[in-house]
Amino acid sequence: MISLIVCLATFALFIAIRILYNQKPFPLLNPVLLSMVLIAVLLTVSSVDYYAYYLASMPINILLEPAIVALAYPLYTQFKAIRPILLFLIVCAFIGISLSTGLAFMLCVLFQVGPNLTASLMALSVTTPVTLLITDMIGGIPSIAAAMVILIGIFGSVFGLSLLQLCNVTQPQAKGIALGVSCHAIGTATAMEHHPQAGAFASAAMIISAIISAFWVPIFFTILSSLSK
């Protein structure tokens, strides 16, 4: 009964914020961001233990994996548009992953970050389950990697489209690829709301990025580590 009440209250909060966002589409009113902030504030003010809330809201967490799979639907509907440039999309995903991994490694070297934390920041361009596997494989701390992936996704969801517009990126396909590669599932959901083709290309980019990251990031991290010694 408690679990049902918590889930309904969480859904109600998210829907209310989403209605507000649709009426006033200001970036800081992003439903994902604002829901997280308000829930954190409510838990703190009410002195409710987060783990107790986590257990009570477990049905929502269970829906995460089907929600990720559901992102494949726009990919299916727009596959004819994606197929002719599939190779180009793969190249874009590979370049995006390489640049993000390389930049993260350079910043870690510049600020003299420890090896475990450095490894935790290498695989941040993919959805959380894949990130956890890669991070564990290269000796990082999965919990830190998971937190960073969520933060990147939220940042992309809040500011991604505005930054792309500022950079004069206007085609929905290009916006989708950028959000799918850099902001994974949360960015893909934002792209889907923005435009059907943006959602389809983001979904394709996210899937391809996960496949590329699984084999390339450990190899690339090993190369970068050997060069930095």
C-alpha atoms as a PDB file:
ATOM      1  CA  MET A   1       0.000   0.000   0.000  1.00  0.00           C
ATOM      2  CA  ILE A   2       2.827   2.395   0.915  1.00  0.00           C
ATOM      3  CA  SER A   3       4.626   1.554  -2.324  1.00  0.00           C
ATOM      4  CA  LEU A   4       1.485   2.333  -4.323  1.00  0.00           C
ATOM      5  CA  ILE A   5       1.062   5.708  -2.597  1.00  0.00           C
ATOM      6  CA  VAL A   6       4.730   6.636  -3.140  1.00  0.00           C
ATOM      7  CA  CYS A   7       4.617   5.668  -6.828  1.00  0.00           C
ATOM      8  CA  LEU A   8       1.372   7.549  -7.437  1.00  0.00           C
ATOM      9  CA  ALA A   9       2.725  10.624  -5.651  1.00  0.00           C
ATOM     10  CA  THR A  10       5.930  10.492  -7.705  1.00  0.00           C
ATOM     11  CA  PHE A  11       3.995  10.126 -10.961  1.00  0.00           C
ATOM     12  CA  ALA A  12       1.657  12.972  -9.963  1.00  0.00           C
ATOM     13  CA  LEU A  13       4.605  15.242  -9.204  1.00  0.00           C
ATOM     14  CA  PHE A  14       6.247  14.473 -12.534  1.00  0.00           C
ATOM     15  CA  ILE A  15       3.024  14.982 -14.522  1.00  0.00           C
ATOM     16  CA  ALA A  16       2.335  18.305 -12.758  1.00  0.00           C
ATOM     17  CA  ILE A  17       5.836  19.544 -13.573  1.00  0.00           C
ATOM     18  CA  ARG A  18       5.500  18.324 -17.154  1.00  0.00           C
ATOM     19  CA  ILE A  19       2.249  20.292 -17.578  1.00  0.00           C
ATOM     20  CA  LEU A  20       4.014  23.366 -16.196  1.00  0.00           C
ATOM     21  CA  TYR A  21       6.936  22.813 -18.577  1.00  0.00           C
ATOM     22  CA  ASN A  22       4.601  22.481 -21.586  1.00  0.00           C
ATOM     23  CA  GLN A  23       3.003  25.794 -20.663  1.00  0.00           C
ATOM     24  CA  LYS A  24       6.311  27.516 -19.934  1.00  0.00           C
ATOM     25  CA  PRO A  25       9.144  25.628 -21.714  1.00  0.00           C
ATOM     26  CA  PHE A  26      11.989  27.187 -19.734  1.00  0.00           C
ATOM     27  CA  PRO A  27      15.122  24.963 -19.546  1.00  0.00           C
ATOM     28  CA  LEU A  28      15.329  25.018 -15.734  1.00  0.00           C
ATOM     29  CA  LEU A  29      11.738  23.759 -15.550  1.00  0.00           C
ATOM     30  CA  ASN A  30      12.812  20.528 -17.210  1.00  0.00           C
ATOM     31  CA  PRO A  31      10.591  17.758 -15.721  1.00  0.00           C
ATOM     32  CA  VAL A  32      13.460  15.362 -14.990  1.00  0.00           C
ATOM     33  CA  LEU A  33      15.623  18.007 -13.330  1.00  0.00           C
ATOM     34  CA  LEU A  34      12.855  19.656 -11.332  1.00  0.00           C
ATOM     35  CA  SER A  35      11.385  16.322 -10.206  1.00  0.00           C
ATOM     36  CA  MET A  36      14.746  15.203  -8.838  1.00  0.00           C
ATOM     37  CA  VAL A  37      15.299  18.505  -7.034  1.00  0.00           C
ATOM     38  CA  LEU A  38      11.822  18.576  -5.480  1.00  0.00           C
ATOM     39  CA  ILE A  39      11.959  14.932  -4.382  1.00  0.00           C
ATOM     40  CA  ALA A  40      15.386  15.524  -2.802  1.00  0.00           C
ATOM     41  CA  VAL A  41      14.048  18.587  -0.966  1.00  0.00           C
ATOM     42  CA  LEU A  42      10.924  16.740   0.209  1.00  0.00           C
ATOM     43  CA  LEU A  43      12.965  13.800   1.498  1.00  0.00           C
ATOM     44  CA  THR A  44      15.331  16.147   3.320  1.00  0.00           C
ATOM     45  CA  VAL A  45      12.595  18.276   4.882  1.00  0.00           C
ATOM     46  CA  SER A  46      10.520  15.275   5.945  1.00  0.00           C
ATOM     47  CA  SER A  47      13.607  13.381   7.200  1.00  0.00           C
ATOM     48  CA  VAL A  48      12.566  10.333   5.157  1.00  0.00           C
ATOM     49  CA  ASP A  49      15.443   7.952   4.517  1.00  0.00           C
ATOM     50  CA  TYR A  50      16.316   7.806   0.827  1.00  0.00           C
ATOM     51  CA  TYR A  51      16.715   4.024   0.909  1.00  0.00           C
ATOM     52  CA  ALA A  52      13.175   3.690   2.251  1.00  0.00           C
ATOM     53  CA  TYR A  53      11.909   5.859  -0.611  1.00  0.00           C
ATOM     54  CA  TYR A  54      13.970   3.822  -3.066  1.00  0.00           C
ATOM     55  CA  LEU A  55      12.413   0.566  -1.899  1.00  0.00           C
ATOM     56  CA  ALA A  56       8.902   2.036  -1.957  1.00  0.00           C
ATOM     57  CA  SER A  57       9.384   3.385  -5.496  1.00  0.00           C
ATOM     58  CA  MET A  58      10.906   0.154  -6.814  1.00  0.00           C
ATOM     59  CA  PRO A  59       8.063  -0.396  -9.363  1.00  0.00           C
ATOM     60  CA  ILE A  60       9.130   2.839 -11.085  1.00  0.00           C
ATOM     61  CA  ASN A  61      12.741   1.628 -11.194  1.00  0.00           C
ATOM     62  CA  ILE A  62      11.597  -1.662 -12.728  1.00  0.00           C
ATOM     63  CA  LEU A  63      10.003   0.318 -15.569  1.00  0.00           C
ATOM     64  CA  LEU A  64      13.376   1.842 -16.491  1.00  0.00           C
ATOM     65  CA  GLU A  65      14.542  -1.061 -18.656  1.00  0.00           C
ATOM     66  CA  PRO A  66      11.271  -1.358 -20.657  1.00  0.00           C
ATOM     67  CA  ALA A  67      11.399   2.428 -21.118  1.00  0.00           C
ATOM     68  CA  ILE A  68      14.876   2.142 -22.657  1.00  0.00           C
ATOM     69  CA  VAL A  69      13.661  -0.616 -24.975  1.00  0.00           C
ATOM     70  CA  ALA A  70      10.656   1.534 -25.950  1.00  0.00           C
ATOM     71  CA  LEU A  71      13.064   4.121 -27.331  1.00  0.00           C
ATOM     72  CA  ALA A  72      13.648   1.701 -30.207  1.00  0.00           C
ATOM     73  CA  TYR A  73      10.144   2.412 -31.542  1.00  0.00           C
ATOM     74  CA  PRO A  74      11.042   5.724 -33.261  1.00  0.00           C
ATOM     75  CA  LEU A  75      14.083   3.940 -34.681  1.00  0.00           C
ATOM     76  CA  TYR A  76      11.735   1.401 -36.255  1.00  0.00           C
ATOM     77  CA  THR A  77       9.383   4.058 -37.652  1.00  0.00           C
ATOM     78  CA  GLN A  78      12.209   6.120 -39.162  1.00  0.00           C
ATOM     79  CA  PHE A  79      14.501   3.264 -40.234  1.00  0.00           C
ATOM     80  CA  LYS A  80      14.138   4.047 -43.942  1.00  0.00           C
ATOM     81  CA  ALA A  81      15.501   7.534 -43.325  1.00  0.00           C
ATOM     82  CA  ILE A  82      18.347   6.225 -41.155  1.00  0.00           C
ATOM     83  CA  ARG A  83      19.507   3.298 -43.312  1.00  0.00           C
ATOM     84  CA  PRO A  84      21.159   5.360 -46.116  1.00  0.00           C
ATOM     85  CA  ILE A  85      23.401   7.203 -43.650  1.00  0.00           C
ATOM     86  CA  LEU A  86      23.972   4.383 -41.161  1.00  0.00           C
ATOM     87  CA  LEU A  87      27.725   4.307 -41.849  1.00  0.00           C
ATOM     88  CA  PHE A  88      27.934   8.070 -41.346  1.00  0.00           C
ATOM     89  CA  LEU A  89      26.065   7.705 -38.059  1.00  0.00           C
ATOM     90  CA  ILE A  90      28.510   5.018 -36.901  1.00  0.00           C
ATOM     91  CA  VAL A  91      31.450   7.292 -37.733  1.00  0.00           C
ATOM     92  CA  CYS A  92      29.829  10.190 -35.841  1.00  0.00           C
ATOM     93  CA  ALA A  93      29.256   7.997 -32.797  1.00  0.00           C
ATOM     94  CA  PHE A  94      32.851   6.732 -32.886  1.00  0.00           C
ATOM     95  CA  ILE A  95      34.262  10.261 -33.122  1.00  0.00           C
ATOM     96  CA  GLY A  96      31.963  11.526 -30.370  1.00  0.00           C
ATOM     97  CA  ILE A  97      32.916   8.725 -27.979  1.00  0.00           C
ATOM     98  CA  SER A  98      36.625   9.113 -28.739  1.00  0.00           C
ATOM     99  CA  LEU A  99      36.530  12.880 -28.186  1.00  0.00           C
ATOM    100  CA  SER A 100      34.575  12.658 -24.926  1.00  0.00           C
ATOM    101  CA  THR A 101      36.810   9.893 -23.564  1.00  0.00           C
ATOM    102  CA  GLY A 102      39.994  11.670 -24.657  1.00  0.00           C
ATOM    103  CA  LEU A 103      38.902  15.015 -23.204  1.00  0.00           C
ATOM    104  CA  ALA A 104      37.885  13.410 -19.896  1.00  0.00           C
ATOM    105  CA  PHE A 105      41.260  11.661 -19.691  1.00  0.00           C
ATOM    106  CA  MET A 106      43.170  14.882 -20.453  1.00  0.00           C
ATOM    107  CA  LEU A 107      41.283  16.753 -17.733  1.00  0.00           C
ATOM    108  CA  CYS A 108      42.001  13.958 -15.251  1.00  0.00           C
ATOM    109  CA  VAL A 109      45.727  14.130 -16.082  1.00  0.00           C
ATOM    110  CA  LEU A 110      45.681  17.938 -15.874  1.00  0.00           C
ATOM    111  CA  PHE A 111      44.093  17.915 -12.417  1.00  0.00           C
ATOM    112  CA  GLN A 112      46.130  14.891 -11.245  1.00  0.00           C
ATOM    113  CA  VAL A 113      43.100  12.709 -10.592  1.00  0.00           C
ATOM    114  CA  GLY A 114      43.714   9.234  -9.173  1.00  0.00           C
ATOM    115  CA  PRO A 115      43.564   6.163 -11.443  1.00  0.00           C
ATOM    116  CA  ASN A 116      40.319   4.769 -10.007  1.00  0.00           C
ATOM    117  CA  LEU A 117      38.452   8.052 -10.405  1.00  0.00           C
ATOM    118  CA  THR A 118      39.924   8.532 -13.882  1.00  0.00           C
ATOM    119  CA  ALA A 119      38.640   5.125 -14.938  1.00  0.00           C
ATOM    120  CA  SER A 120      35.227   6.074 -13.535  1.00  0.00           C
ATOM    121  CA  LEU A 121      34.982   9.027 -15.943  1.00  0.00           C
ATOM    122  CA  MET A 122      35.857   7.254 -19.167  1.00  0.00           C
ATOM    123  CA  ALA A 123      32.561   5.666 -20.244  1.00  0.00           C
ATOM    124  CA  LEU A 124      30.027   8.465 -19.836  1.00  0.00           C
ATOM    125  CA  SER A 125      28.532   8.586 -23.343  1.00  0.00           C
ATOM    126  CA  VAL A 126      26.311   5.542 -22.891  1.00  0.00           C
ATOM    127  CA  THR A 127      23.308   4.574 -20.808  1.00  0.00           C
ATOM    128  CA  THR A 128      23.868   3.576 -17.180  1.00  0.00           C
ATOM    129  CA  PRO A 129      23.848  -0.265 -17.418  1.00  0.00           C
ATOM    130  CA  VAL A 130      26.527  -0.230 -20.140  1.00  0.00           C
ATOM    131  CA  THR A 131      28.530   2.395 -18.256  1.00  0.00           C
ATOM    132  CA  LEU A 132      28.564   0.218 -15.127  1.00  0.00           C
ATOM    133  CA  LEU A 133      29.890  -2.772 -17.042  1.00  0.00           C
ATOM    134  CA  ILE A 134      32.636  -0.803 -18.807  1.00  0.00           C
ATOM    135  CA  THR A 135      33.659   1.050 -15.641  1.00  0.00           C
ATOM    136  CA  ASP A 136      33.965  -2.182 -13.690  1.00  0.00           C
ATOM    137  CA  MET A 137      35.979  -3.690 -16.559  1.00  0.00           C
ATOM    138  CA  ILE A 138      38.611  -0.921 -16.535  1.00  0.00           C
ATOM    139  CA  GLY A 139      38.885  -0.674 -12.742  1.00  0.00           C
ATOM    140  CA  GLY A 140      36.708   2.348 -12.042  1.00  0.00           C
ATOM    141  CA  ILE A 141      34.068   3.018  -9.397  1.00  0.00           C
ATOM    142  CA  PRO A 142      30.634   2.160 -10.851  1.00  0.00           C
ATOM    143  CA  SER A 143      28.645   4.333  -8.419  1.00  0.00           C
ATOM    144  CA  ILE A 144      30.564   7.465  -9.439  1.00  0.00           C
ATOM    145  CA  ALA A 145      30.189   6.604 -13.118  1.00  0.00           C
ATOM    146  CA  ALA A 146      26.436   6.109 -12.706  1.00  0.00           C
ATOM    147  CA  ALA A 147      26.038   9.472 -10.961  1.00  0.00           C
ATOM    148  CA  MET A 148      28.016  11.255 -13.670  1.00  0.00           C
ATOM    149  CA  VAL A 149      26.010   9.612 -16.455  1.00  0.00           C
ATOM    150  CA  ILE A 150      22.766  10.810 -14.878  1.00  0.00           C
ATOM    151  CA  LEU A 151      24.147  14.343 -14.442  1.00  0.00           C
ATOM    152  CA  ILE A 152      25.305  14.458 -18.063  1.00  0.00           C
ATOM    153  CA  GLY A 153      21.925  13.227 -19.247  1.00  0.00           C
ATOM    154  CA  ILE A 154      20.113  15.886 -17.230  1.00  0.00           C
ATOM    155  CA  PHE A 155      22.492  18.608 -18.434  1.00  0.00           C
ATOM    156  CA  GLY A 156      21.920  17.550 -22.033  1.00  0.00           C
ATOM    157  CA  SER A 157      18.179  17.395 -21.503  1.00  0.00           C
ATOM    158  CA  VAL A 158      18.076  20.886 -20.005  1.00  0.00           C
ATOM    159  CA  PHE A 159      20.603  22.734 -22.167  1.00  0.00           C
ATOM    160  CA  GLY A 160      21.315  20.438 -25.146  1.00  0.00           C
ATOM    161  CA  LEU A 161      18.810  21.794 -27.658  1.00  0.00           C
ATOM    162  CA  SER A 162      19.592  25.406 -26.711  1.00  0.00           C
ATOM    163  CA  LEU A 163      23.337  24.839 -27.152  1.00  0.00           C
ATOM    164  CA  LEU A 164      22.797  23.165 -30.520  1.00  0.00           C
ATOM    165  CA  GLN A 165      20.576  26.046 -31.611  1.00  0.00           C
ATOM    166  CA  LEU A 166      23.270  28.487 -30.453  1.00  0.00           C
ATOM    167  CA  CYS A 167      25.778  26.590 -32.620  1.00  0.00           C
ATOM    168  CA  ASN A 168      23.382  26.969 -35.575  1.00  0.00           C
ATOM    169  CA  VAL A 169      22.548  23.264 -35.687  1.00  0.00           C
ATOM    170  CA  THR A 170      19.015  23.278 -37.056  1.00  0.00           C
ATOM    171  CA  GLN A 171      18.419  19.862 -38.662  1.00  0.00           C
ATOM    172  CA  PRO A 172      16.502  17.507 -36.341  1.00  0.00           C
ATOM    173  CA  GLN A 173      18.622  14.558 -37.499  1.00  0.00           C
ATOM    174  CA  ALA A 174      21.844  16.286 -36.419  1.00  0.00           C
ATOM    175  CA  LYS A 175      20.312  17.308 -33.095  1.00  0.00           C
ATOM    176  CA  GLY A 176      19.223  13.724 -32.506  1.00  0.00           C
ATOM    177  CA  ILE A 177      22.666  12.285 -33.215  1.00  0.00           C
ATOM    178  CA  ALA A 178      24.329  14.818 -30.900  1.00  0.00           C
ATOM    179  CA  LEU A 179      21.922  14.137 -28.034  1.00  0.00           C
ATOM    180  CA  GLY A 180      21.968  10.362 -28.546  1.00  0.00           C
ATOM    181  CA  VAL A 181      25.761  10.113 -28.530  1.00  0.00           C
ATOM    182  CA  SER A 182      26.460  12.531 -25.682  1.00  0.00           C
ATOM    183  CA  CYS A 183      23.362  12.358 -23.456  1.00  0.00           C
ATOM    184  CA  HIS A 184      22.174   8.728 -23.937  1.00  0.00           C
ATOM    185  CA  ALA A 185      18.612   7.821 -22.834  1.00  0.00           C
ATOM    186  CA  ILE A 186      17.626  11.109 -21.191  1.00  0.00           C
ATOM    187  CA  GLY A 187      18.880  13.055 -24.195  1.00  0.00           C
ATOM    188  CA  THR A 188      17.083  10.656 -26.523  1.00  0.00           C
ATOM    189  CA  ALA A 189      13.802  11.237 -24.677  1.00  0.00           C
ATOM    190  CA  THR A 190      14.308  14.990 -25.073  1.00  0.00           C
ATOM    191  CA  ALA A 191      15.059  14.574 -28.779  1.00  0.00           C
ATOM    192  CA  MET A 192      11.917  12.470 -29.165  1.00  0.00           C
ATOM    193  CA  GLU A 193       9.806  15.252 -27.693  1.00  0.00           C
ATOM    194  CA  HIS A 194      11.497  17.801 -29.948  1.00  0.00           C
ATOM    195  CA  HIS A 195      10.949  16.055 -33.309  1.00  0.00           C
ATOM    196  CA  PRO A 196      10.145  12.478 -34.490  1.00  0.00           C
ATOM    197  CA  GLN A 197      13.256  12.271 -36.680  1.00  0.00           C
ATOM    198  CA  ALA A 198      15.415  13.724 -33.915  1.00  0.00           C
ATOM    199  CA  GLY A 199      14.137  10.989 -31.608  1.00  0.00           C
ATOM    200  CA  ALA A 200      14.781   8.259 -34.171  1.00  0.00           C
ATOM    201  CA  PHE A 201      18.335   9.409 -34.902  1.00  0.00           C
ATOM    202  CA  ALA A 202      19.036   9.867 -31.184  1.00  0.00           C
ATOM    203  CA  SER A 203      17.815   6.339 -30.496  1.00  0.00           C
ATOM    204  CA  ALA A 204      20.022   4.933 -33.258  1.00  0.00           C
ATOM    205  CA  ALA A 205      23.011   6.956 -32.057  1.00  0.00           C
ATOM    206  CA  MET A 206      22.494   5.789 -28.472  1.00  0.00           C
ATOM    207  CA  ILE A 207      22.384   2.124 -29.489  1.00  0.00           C
ATOM    208  CA  ILE A 208      25.428   2.413 -31.742  1.00  0.00           C
ATOM    209  CA  SER A 209      27.325   4.342 -29.052  1.00  0.00           C
ATOM    210  CA  ALA A 210      26.658   1.561 -26.544  1.00  0.00           C
ATOM    211  CA  ILE A 211      28.016  -1.071 -28.937  1.00  0.00           C
ATOM    212  CA  ILE A 212      31.104   0.971 -29.858  1.00  0.00           C
ATOM    213  CA  SER A 213      31.842   1.954 -26.253  1.00  0.00           C
ATOM    214  CA  ALA A 214      31.704  -1.645 -25.049  1.00  0.00           C
ATOM    215  CA  PHE A 215      34.778  -2.621 -27.071  1.00  0.00           C
ATOM    216  CA  TRP A 216      36.490   0.713 -27.867  1.00  0.00           C
ATOM    217  CA  VAL A 217      36.568   2.568 -24.530  1.00  0.00           C
ATOM    218  CA  PRO A 218      38.614  -0.130 -22.665  1.00  0.00           C
ATOM    219  CA  ILE A 219      41.086  -0.262 -25.563  1.00  0.00           C
ATOM    220  CA  PHE A 220      41.280   3.524 -25.896  1.00  0.00           C
ATOM    221  CA  PHE A 221      41.680   3.945 -22.122  1.00  0.00           C
ATOM    222  CA  THR A 222      44.558   1.455 -22.121  1.00  0.00           C
ATOM    223  CA  ILE A 223      46.253   3.345 -24.969  1.00  0.00           C
ATOM    224  CA  LEU A 224      45.814   6.713 -23.246  1.00  0.00           C
ATOM    225  CA  SER A 225      47.094   5.315 -19.944  1.00  0.00           C
ATOM    226  CA  SER A 226      50.240   3.905 -21.570  1.00  0.00           C
ATOM    227  CA  LEU A 227      50.920   7.199 -23.395  1.00  0.00           C
ATOM    228  CA  SER A 228      50.573   9.252 -20.190  1.00  0.00           C
ATOM    229  CA  LYS A 229      53.245   7.275 -18.317  1.00  0.00           C
END
